[in-house]
């Protein structure tokens, strides 16, 4: 079943962010992706619409279970818009800078995900979730806010004087 509409998620929770495309156990070098938690009340509808949502059921050990959608991003054909937002400005990240997201702490993330309906010569087909827009509001500390109005300057190089 082909998916036709974009998916909009507000206050999204990301898991396993790999915006840098680093190789890992489940990821080849250069593959940029992440998983987003899908609320359980939304998961069935998304599966019915053709999205590939995977749910892990709760277990006896107290794990509540979770539904996830794997989202991919590529910069060659339809590059996503990726924005880092603070209280003072927003910054658009690109292919060379979006890897910073892997280590950032966000207070809020809003996503627009577009479907990519694919098929191959063997008759297989499916829908891949592709990132279209990312808006991440950075968690700012009290010091971040205190010093936010001070303009950034150049780098200071320390000079050391040896005692004679």
N, C-alpha and C. Protein backbone atom coordinates (compact mmCIF):
# COMPACT_ATOMS: atom_id res chain seq x y z
N UNK A 1 0.84 -1.18 0.00
CA UNK A 1 0.00 0.00 0.00
C UNK A 1 0.89 1.24 0.00
N UNK A 2 0.70 2.15 -0.90
CA UNK A 2 1.49 3.36 -1.01
C UNK A 2 0.95 4.43 -0.06
N UNK A 3 1.86 5.08 0.62
CA UNK A 3 1.50 6.19 1.51
C UNK A 3 1.55 7.47 0.69
N UNK A 4 0.57 8.35 0.89
CA UNK A 4 0.50 9.55 0.08
C UNK A 4 0.68 10.85 0.86
N UNK A 5 0.45 10.84 2.17
CA UNK A 5 0.48 12.09 2.94
C UNK A 5 1.69 12.15 3.85
N UNK A 6 2.19 13.38 4.04
CA UNK A 6 3.28 13.58 4.98
C UNK A 6 2.77 13.38 6.40
N UNK A 7 3.69 13.01 7.28
CA UNK A 7 3.40 12.78 8.68
C UNK A 7 3.98 13.94 9.49
N UNK A 8 3.17 14.54 10.35
CA UNK A 8 3.61 15.65 11.19
C UNK A 8 3.59 15.19 12.64
N UNK A 9 4.74 15.30 13.32
CA UNK A 9 4.84 14.91 14.72
C UNK A 9 5.36 16.09 15.54
N UNK A 10 4.57 16.50 16.51
CA UNK A 10 4.99 17.57 17.42
C UNK A 10 5.50 16.96 18.71
N UNK A 11 6.49 17.62 19.31
CA UNK A 11 7.09 17.16 20.56
C UNK A 11 7.53 15.69 20.44
N UNK A 12 8.23 15.40 19.34
CA UNK A 12 8.65 14.04 19.03
C UNK A 12 9.80 13.61 19.95
N UNK A 13 9.83 12.31 20.22
CA UNK A 13 10.91 11.73 21.01
C UNK A 13 11.76 10.87 20.08
N UNK A 14 13.05 11.23 19.93
CA UNK A 14 13.95 10.47 19.06
C UNK A 14 14.67 9.40 19.85
N UNK A 15 14.96 8.31 19.17
CA UNK A 15 15.80 7.26 19.73
C UNK A 15 16.85 6.90 18.68
N UNK A 16 18.04 6.59 19.15
CA UNK A 16 19.15 6.17 18.29
C UNK A 16 19.43 7.15 17.15
N UNK A 17 19.60 8.44 17.47
CA UNK A 17 19.88 9.40 16.38
C UNK A 17 21.24 9.11 15.73
N UNK A 18 21.25 9.12 14.42
CA UNK A 18 22.49 8.93 13.66
C UNK A 18 22.46 9.88 12.46
N UNK A 19 22.45 11.17 12.76
CA UNK A 19 22.45 12.19 11.72
C UNK A 19 23.83 12.28 11.07
N UNK A 20 24.87 11.80 11.75
CA UNK A 20 26.23 11.87 11.22
C UNK A 20 26.50 10.75 10.21
N UNK A 21 25.71 9.67 10.25
CA UNK A 21 25.92 8.56 9.32
C UNK A 21 27.06 7.64 9.70
N UNK A 22 27.37 7.57 10.99
CA UNK A 22 28.46 6.71 11.43
C UNK A 22 28.04 5.23 11.35
N UNK A 23 29.00 4.38 11.09
CA UNK A 23 28.73 2.94 11.02
C UNK A 23 28.47 2.41 12.42
N UNK A 24 27.60 1.42 12.51
CA UNK A 24 27.29 0.80 13.79
C UNK A 24 26.79 -0.60 13.59
N UNK A 25 26.32 -1.21 14.66
CA UNK A 25 25.82 -2.59 14.60
C UNK A 25 24.72 -2.75 13.57
N UNK A 26 23.82 -1.78 13.52
CA UNK A 26 22.66 -1.87 12.61
C UNK A 26 22.71 -0.84 11.49
N UNK A 27 23.88 -0.27 11.24
CA UNK A 27 23.95 0.84 10.31
C UNK A 27 25.26 0.82 9.53
N UNK A 28 25.18 0.89 8.21
CA UNK A 28 26.38 0.98 7.38
C UNK A 28 26.88 2.42 7.37
N UNK A 29 28.16 2.59 7.15
CA UNK A 29 28.77 3.93 7.07
C UNK A 29 28.03 4.79 6.06
N UNK A 30 27.67 5.99 6.43
CA UNK A 30 27.01 6.93 5.53
C UNK A 30 25.49 6.91 5.58
N UNK A 31 24.90 5.91 6.23
CA UNK A 31 23.44 5.85 6.34
C UNK A 31 23.00 6.71 7.52
N UNK A 32 22.28 7.78 7.21
CA UNK A 32 21.80 8.70 8.25
C UNK A 32 20.35 8.34 8.57
N UNK A 33 20.06 8.16 9.84
CA UNK A 33 18.70 7.80 10.23
C UNK A 33 18.50 7.99 11.72
N UNK A 34 17.28 7.81 12.15
CA UNK A 34 16.93 7.79 13.56
C UNK A 34 15.59 7.09 13.68
N UNK A 35 15.23 6.78 14.90
CA UNK A 35 13.91 6.22 15.15
C UNK A 35 13.13 7.26 15.96
N UNK A 36 11.84 7.35 15.67
CA UNK A 36 10.98 8.26 16.40
C UNK A 36 9.89 7.43 17.07
N UNK A 37 9.62 7.76 18.32
CA UNK A 37 8.58 7.06 19.07
C UNK A 37 7.22 7.49 18.54
N UNK A 38 6.40 6.51 18.25
CA UNK A 38 5.04 6.75 17.76
C UNK A 38 4.07 6.43 18.89
N UNK A 39 3.22 7.38 19.27
CA UNK A 39 2.24 7.08 20.33
C UNK A 39 1.40 5.87 19.96
N UNK A 40 1.14 5.01 20.93
CA UNK A 40 0.43 3.75 20.66
C UNK A 40 -0.94 3.98 20.03
N UNK A 41 -1.60 5.08 20.40
CA UNK A 41 -2.92 5.34 19.82
C UNK A 41 -2.84 5.75 18.35
N UNK A 42 -1.64 6.10 17.87
CA UNK A 42 -1.44 6.51 16.49
C UNK A 42 -0.85 5.38 15.63
N UNK A 43 -0.20 4.42 16.29
CA UNK A 43 0.55 3.39 15.58
C UNK A 43 -0.32 2.56 14.65
N UNK A 44 -1.47 2.09 15.12
CA UNK A 44 -2.33 1.25 14.28
C UNK A 44 -2.78 1.98 13.02
N UNK A 45 -3.13 3.24 13.14
CA UNK A 45 -3.58 4.03 11.99
C UNK A 45 -2.44 4.19 10.98
N UNK A 46 -1.23 4.45 11.47
CA UNK A 46 -0.08 4.60 10.57
C UNK A 46 0.22 3.30 9.83
N UNK A 47 0.15 2.17 10.53
CA UNK A 47 0.37 0.87 9.88
C UNK A 47 -0.70 0.64 8.83
N UNK A 48 -1.93 0.95 9.17
CA UNK A 48 -3.05 0.81 8.23
C UNK A 48 -2.84 1.67 6.98
N UNK A 49 -2.21 2.85 7.17
CA UNK A 49 -1.94 3.75 6.05
C UNK A 49 -0.71 3.35 5.25
N UNK A 50 0.06 2.36 5.72
CA UNK A 50 1.21 1.87 4.96
C UNK A 50 2.58 2.22 5.52
N UNK A 51 2.64 2.95 6.66
CA UNK A 51 3.93 3.26 7.27
C UNK A 51 4.46 2.00 7.96
N UNK A 52 5.78 1.84 7.99
CA UNK A 52 6.41 0.67 8.60
C UNK A 52 6.74 0.99 10.06
N UNK A 53 5.75 0.82 10.92
CA UNK A 53 5.90 1.05 12.36
C UNK A 53 6.12 -0.29 13.02
N UNK A 54 7.15 -0.38 13.85
CA UNK A 54 7.44 -1.62 14.57
C UNK A 54 7.19 -1.39 16.05
N UNK A 55 6.40 -2.28 16.65
CA UNK A 55 6.05 -2.16 18.06
C UNK A 55 6.62 -3.31 18.85
N UNK A 56 7.20 -2.97 19.98
CA UNK A 56 7.67 -3.97 20.94
C UNK A 56 6.64 -3.98 22.06
N UNK A 57 6.05 -5.12 22.30
CA UNK A 57 5.00 -5.24 23.30
C UNK A 57 5.57 -5.16 24.71
N UNK A 58 4.77 -4.72 25.67
CA UNK A 58 5.23 -4.70 27.07
C UNK A 58 5.63 -6.12 27.51
N UNK A 59 6.58 -6.21 28.42
CA UNK A 59 6.97 -7.52 28.92
C UNK A 59 6.74 -7.60 30.44
N UNK A 60 6.93 -8.78 30.98
CA UNK A 60 6.67 -9.02 32.39
C UNK A 60 7.66 -8.32 33.31
N UNK A 61 8.79 -7.91 32.77
CA UNK A 61 9.82 -7.28 33.59
C UNK A 61 9.59 -5.78 33.77
N UNK A 62 8.44 -5.28 33.32
CA UNK A 62 8.12 -3.87 33.53
C UNK A 62 8.45 -2.97 32.35
N UNK A 63 9.03 -3.53 31.29
CA UNK A 63 9.29 -2.73 30.09
C UNK A 63 7.93 -2.39 29.47
N UNK A 64 7.63 -1.09 29.32
CA UNK A 64 6.29 -0.71 28.85
C UNK A 64 6.06 -0.97 27.36
N UNK A 65 7.09 -1.29 26.62
CA UNK A 65 6.91 -1.46 25.17
C UNK A 65 6.91 -0.10 24.49
N UNK A 66 7.16 -0.12 23.20
CA UNK A 66 7.24 1.13 22.47
C UNK A 66 7.03 0.85 20.98
N UNK A 67 6.46 1.83 20.27
CA UNK A 67 6.30 1.74 18.81
C UNK A 67 7.26 2.74 18.18
N UNK A 68 7.99 2.30 17.16
CA UNK A 68 9.02 3.14 16.54
C UNK A 68 8.85 3.16 15.02
N UNK A 69 9.18 4.30 14.44
CA UNK A 69 9.24 4.47 13.00
C UNK A 69 10.67 4.87 12.67
N UNK A 70 11.33 4.11 11.80
CA UNK A 70 12.69 4.47 11.38
C UNK A 70 12.58 5.52 10.28
N UNK A 71 13.30 6.62 10.47
CA UNK A 71 13.27 7.74 9.54
C UNK A 71 14.67 7.92 8.97
N UNK A 72 14.75 8.07 7.66
CA UNK A 72 16.03 8.21 6.95
C UNK A 72 16.18 9.65 6.46
N UNK A 73 17.43 10.08 6.27
CA UNK A 73 17.66 11.38 5.64
C UNK A 73 18.80 11.27 4.66
N UNK A 74 18.60 11.92 3.53
CA UNK A 74 19.58 11.96 2.45
C UNK A 74 19.66 13.39 1.94
N UNK A 75 20.82 13.74 1.44
CA UNK A 75 21.03 15.11 0.96
C UNK A 75 21.21 15.18 -0.54
N UNK A 76 21.12 14.03 -1.25
CA UNK A 76 21.40 14.05 -2.68
C UNK A 76 20.20 14.45 -3.53
N UNK A 77 19.01 13.97 -3.23
CA UNK A 77 17.86 14.28 -4.08
C UNK A 77 16.90 15.29 -3.46
N UNK A 78 16.42 15.01 -2.28
CA UNK A 78 15.49 15.89 -1.58
C UNK A 78 16.03 16.18 -0.20
N UNK A 79 17.00 17.10 -0.09
CA UNK A 79 17.63 17.34 1.21
C UNK A 79 16.62 17.90 2.21
N UNK A 80 16.70 17.41 3.45
CA UNK A 80 15.77 17.90 4.47
C UNK A 80 16.17 19.28 4.96
N UNK A 81 15.20 19.99 5.52
CA UNK A 81 15.47 21.24 6.25
C UNK A 81 15.65 20.85 7.70
N UNK A 82 16.81 21.18 8.25
CA UNK A 82 17.10 20.83 9.65
C UNK A 82 17.46 22.12 10.38
N UNK A 83 16.68 22.44 11.41
CA UNK A 83 16.85 23.69 12.16
C UNK A 83 17.13 23.41 13.62
N UNK A 84 18.16 24.07 14.15
CA UNK A 84 18.45 24.08 15.58
C UNK A 84 17.98 25.44 16.09
N UNK A 85 17.16 25.43 17.14
CA UNK A 85 16.53 26.66 17.63
C UNK A 85 16.93 26.92 19.07
N UNK A 86 17.36 28.16 19.35
CA UNK A 86 17.59 28.60 20.72
C UNK A 86 16.69 29.79 20.99
N UNK A 87 16.77 30.33 22.20
CA UNK A 87 15.92 31.47 22.54
C UNK A 87 16.32 32.72 21.76
N UNK A 88 17.52 32.75 21.20
CA UNK A 88 18.00 33.96 20.51
C UNK A 88 18.05 33.84 18.99
N UNK A 89 18.12 32.62 18.46
CA UNK A 89 18.22 32.48 17.00
C UNK A 89 17.91 31.05 16.56
N UNK A 90 17.76 30.90 15.25
CA UNK A 90 17.63 29.58 14.66
C UNK A 90 18.78 29.42 13.67
N UNK A 91 19.26 28.20 13.53
CA UNK A 91 20.39 27.91 12.66
C UNK A 91 20.02 26.73 11.78
N UNK A 92 20.18 26.91 10.47
CA UNK A 92 19.91 25.80 9.55
C UNK A 92 21.18 24.95 9.45
N UNK A 93 21.01 23.66 9.66
CA UNK A 93 22.12 22.73 9.58
C UNK A 93 22.09 22.04 8.22
N UNK A 94 23.26 21.67 7.74
CA UNK A 94 23.35 21.02 6.43
C UNK A 94 24.02 19.66 6.56
N UNK A 95 24.40 19.11 5.44
CA UNK A 95 25.00 17.78 5.42
C UNK A 95 26.27 17.69 6.27
N UNK A 96 27.03 18.76 6.33
CA UNK A 96 28.29 18.74 7.09
C UNK A 96 28.10 19.07 8.57
N UNK A 97 26.99 19.69 8.94
CA UNK A 97 26.81 20.10 10.33
C UNK A 97 25.69 19.36 11.08
N UNK A 98 24.84 18.65 10.37
CA UNK A 98 23.69 18.02 11.04
C UNK A 98 24.09 16.90 11.99
N UNK A 99 25.30 16.38 11.87
CA UNK A 99 25.76 15.34 12.79
C UNK A 99 25.81 15.81 14.24
N UNK A 100 25.84 17.12 14.45
CA UNK A 100 25.84 17.67 15.81
C UNK A 100 24.58 17.26 16.57
N UNK A 101 23.51 17.00 15.86
CA UNK A 101 22.24 16.65 16.50
C UNK A 101 22.38 15.38 17.34
N UNK A 102 23.27 14.48 16.93
CA UNK A 102 23.45 13.23 17.66
C UNK A 102 23.80 13.46 19.13
N UNK A 103 24.46 14.57 19.43
CA UNK A 103 24.92 14.85 20.80
C UNK A 103 24.19 16.01 21.47
N UNK A 104 23.17 16.56 20.84
CA UNK A 104 22.47 17.71 21.40
C UNK A 104 21.32 17.26 22.29
N UNK A 105 20.97 18.14 23.23
CA UNK A 105 19.86 17.90 24.15
C UNK A 105 18.74 18.87 23.77
N UNK A 106 17.59 18.33 23.41
CA UNK A 106 16.48 19.15 22.94
C UNK A 106 15.33 19.18 23.94
N UNK A 107 14.74 20.36 24.09
CA UNK A 107 13.53 20.52 24.90
C UNK A 107 12.31 20.11 24.10
N UNK A 108 12.38 20.29 22.78
CA UNK A 108 11.25 19.96 21.90
C UNK A 108 11.77 19.68 20.49
N UNK A 109 11.12 18.72 19.84
CA UNK A 109 11.44 18.42 18.44
C UNK A 109 10.13 18.28 17.68
N UNK A 110 10.03 18.99 16.56
CA UNK A 110 8.89 18.85 15.66
C UNK A 110 9.41 18.33 14.33
N UNK A 111 8.70 17.37 13.75
CA UNK A 111 9.15 16.70 12.53
C UNK A 111 8.08 16.71 11.46
N UNK A 112 8.52 16.84 10.21
CA UNK A 112 7.68 16.53 9.07
C UNK A 112 8.39 15.41 8.32
N UNK A 113 7.69 14.32 8.12
CA UNK A 113 8.26 13.12 7.50
C UNK A 113 7.47 12.84 6.23
N UNK A 114 8.20 12.65 5.13
CA UNK A 114 7.53 12.38 3.86
C UNK A 114 7.68 10.91 3.51
N UNK A 115 6.67 10.35 2.86
CA UNK A 115 6.78 8.96 2.43
C UNK A 115 7.57 8.87 1.13
N UNK A 116 8.39 7.84 1.02
CA UNK A 116 9.06 7.52 -0.25
C UNK A 116 8.59 6.13 -0.63
N UNK A 117 7.70 6.07 -1.61
CA UNK A 117 7.15 4.79 -2.06
C UNK A 117 8.08 4.20 -3.10
N UNK A 118 8.58 3.00 -2.84
CA UNK A 118 9.56 2.38 -3.71
C UNK A 118 9.05 1.02 -4.20
N UNK A 119 9.64 0.59 -5.28
CA UNK A 119 9.41 -0.77 -5.80
C UNK A 119 10.65 -1.17 -6.58
N UNK A 120 10.85 -2.47 -6.73
CA UNK A 120 12.00 -2.92 -7.50
C UNK A 120 11.57 -3.92 -8.57
N UNK A 121 12.52 -4.37 -9.35
CA UNK A 121 12.22 -5.25 -10.48
C UNK A 121 11.76 -6.65 -10.03
N UNK A 122 11.99 -6.99 -8.79
CA UNK A 122 11.54 -8.29 -8.26
C UNK A 122 10.09 -8.27 -7.82
N UNK A 123 9.46 -7.10 -7.91
CA UNK A 123 8.06 -6.98 -7.51
C UNK A 123 7.86 -6.58 -6.06
N UNK A 124 8.94 -6.39 -5.33
CA UNK A 124 8.83 -5.93 -3.95
C UNK A 124 8.55 -4.43 -3.93
N UNK A 125 7.82 -3.98 -2.93
CA UNK A 125 7.55 -2.55 -2.79
C UNK A 125 7.32 -2.23 -1.33
N UNK A 126 7.37 -0.96 -1.02
CA UNK A 126 7.15 -0.52 0.36
C UNK A 126 7.21 0.98 0.46
N UNK A 127 7.18 1.46 1.67
CA UNK A 127 7.26 2.89 1.94
C UNK A 127 8.38 3.13 2.94
N UNK A 128 9.26 4.04 2.61
CA UNK A 128 10.36 4.42 3.49
C UNK A 128 10.05 5.81 4.02
N UNK A 129 10.24 6.01 5.32
CA UNK A 129 10.01 7.31 5.94
C UNK A 129 11.26 8.16 5.75
N UNK A 130 11.10 9.33 5.13
CA UNK A 130 12.22 10.24 4.86
C UNK A 130 11.99 11.56 5.58
N UNK A 131 13.03 12.09 6.23
CA UNK A 131 12.91 13.36 6.92
C UNK A 131 12.75 14.49 5.92
N UNK A 132 11.73 15.30 6.11
CA UNK A 132 11.53 16.48 5.28
C UNK A 132 11.93 17.74 6.06
N UNK A 133 11.44 17.87 7.31
CA UNK A 133 11.78 19.04 8.13
C UNK A 133 11.98 18.61 9.58
N UNK A 134 12.96 19.25 10.21
CA UNK A 134 13.30 19.01 11.61
C UNK A 134 13.46 20.36 12.28
N UNK A 135 12.73 20.57 13.34
CA UNK A 135 12.87 21.78 14.16
C UNK A 135 13.17 21.31 15.57
N UNK A 136 14.40 21.54 16.05
CA UNK A 136 14.80 21.11 17.38
C UNK A 136 15.12 22.30 18.26
N UNK A 137 14.34 22.47 19.32
CA UNK A 137 14.58 23.55 20.28
C UNK A 137 15.55 23.04 21.34
N UNK A 138 16.71 23.67 21.39
CA UNK A 138 17.79 23.24 22.27
C UNK A 138 17.44 23.53 23.73
N UNK A 139 17.75 22.57 24.59
CA UNK A 139 17.61 22.76 26.03
C UNK A 139 18.73 23.71 26.46
N UNK A 140 18.37 24.88 26.96
CA UNK A 140 19.37 25.88 27.34
C UNK A 140 19.49 25.95 28.86
N UNK A 141 20.72 26.02 29.33
CA UNK A 141 20.97 26.14 30.76
C UNK A 141 20.82 27.60 31.18
N UNK A 142 20.84 27.83 32.46
CA UNK A 142 20.76 29.20 32.98
C UNK A 142 21.93 30.04 32.46
N UNK A 143 23.11 29.42 32.32
CA UNK A 143 24.27 30.15 31.80
C UNK A 143 24.13 30.44 30.31
N UNK A 144 23.57 29.49 29.56
CA UNK A 144 23.34 29.74 28.13
C UNK A 144 22.50 31.01 27.97
N UNK A 145 21.47 31.11 28.77
CA UNK A 145 20.57 32.28 28.69
C UNK A 145 21.25 33.54 29.19
N UNK A 146 22.05 33.43 30.26
CA UNK A 146 22.74 34.58 30.84
C UNK A 146 23.69 35.22 29.84
N UNK A 147 24.41 34.41 29.07
CA UNK A 147 25.44 34.93 28.16
C UNK A 147 25.00 34.98 26.70
N UNK A 148 23.75 34.75 26.43
CA UNK A 148 23.27 34.68 25.05
C UNK A 148 23.39 35.99 24.29
N UNK A 149 23.31 37.14 24.97
CA UNK A 149 23.35 38.44 24.29
C UNK A 149 24.76 38.92 24.00
N UNK A 150 25.76 38.23 24.49
CA UNK A 150 27.14 38.66 24.26
C UNK A 150 27.58 38.12 22.91
N UNK A 151 28.05 39.01 22.01
CA UNK A 151 28.47 38.53 20.68
C UNK A 151 29.68 37.60 20.78
N UNK A 152 29.70 36.66 19.88
CA UNK A 152 30.82 35.73 19.84
C UNK A 152 32.01 36.41 19.20
N UNK A 153 33.18 36.17 19.76
CA UNK A 153 34.40 36.75 19.21
C UNK A 153 35.27 35.69 18.60
N UNK A 154 36.48 36.05 18.28
CA UNK A 154 37.43 35.10 17.70
C UNK A 154 38.01 34.19 18.77
N UNK A 155 38.84 33.29 18.34
CA UNK A 155 39.50 32.38 19.28
C UNK A 155 40.69 33.08 19.94
N UNK A 156 40.85 32.82 21.20
CA UNK A 156 41.97 33.40 21.93
C UNK A 156 43.03 32.31 22.04
N UNK A 157 44.26 32.69 21.68
CA UNK A 157 45.35 31.75 21.81
C UNK A 157 46.16 32.13 23.02
N UNK A 158 46.38 31.16 23.87
CA UNK A 158 47.13 31.41 25.08
C UNK A 158 48.62 31.52 24.74
N UNK A 159 49.28 32.44 25.41
CA UNK A 159 50.73 32.53 25.25
C UNK A 159 51.35 32.24 26.62
N UNK A 160 52.34 31.40 26.61
CA UNK A 160 52.97 31.00 27.85
C UNK A 160 54.37 31.60 27.92
N UNK A 161 54.71 32.09 29.09
CA UNK A 161 56.03 32.65 29.31
C UNK A 161 56.73 31.74 30.29
N UNK A 162 57.89 31.26 29.89
CA UNK A 162 58.64 30.39 30.78
C UNK A 162 59.41 31.23 31.78
N UNK A 163 59.47 30.73 33.01
CA UNK A 163 60.26 31.40 34.04
C UNK A 163 61.74 31.22 33.71
N UNK A 164 62.50 32.27 33.95
CA UNK A 164 63.95 32.18 33.68
C UNK A 164 64.71 31.89 34.90
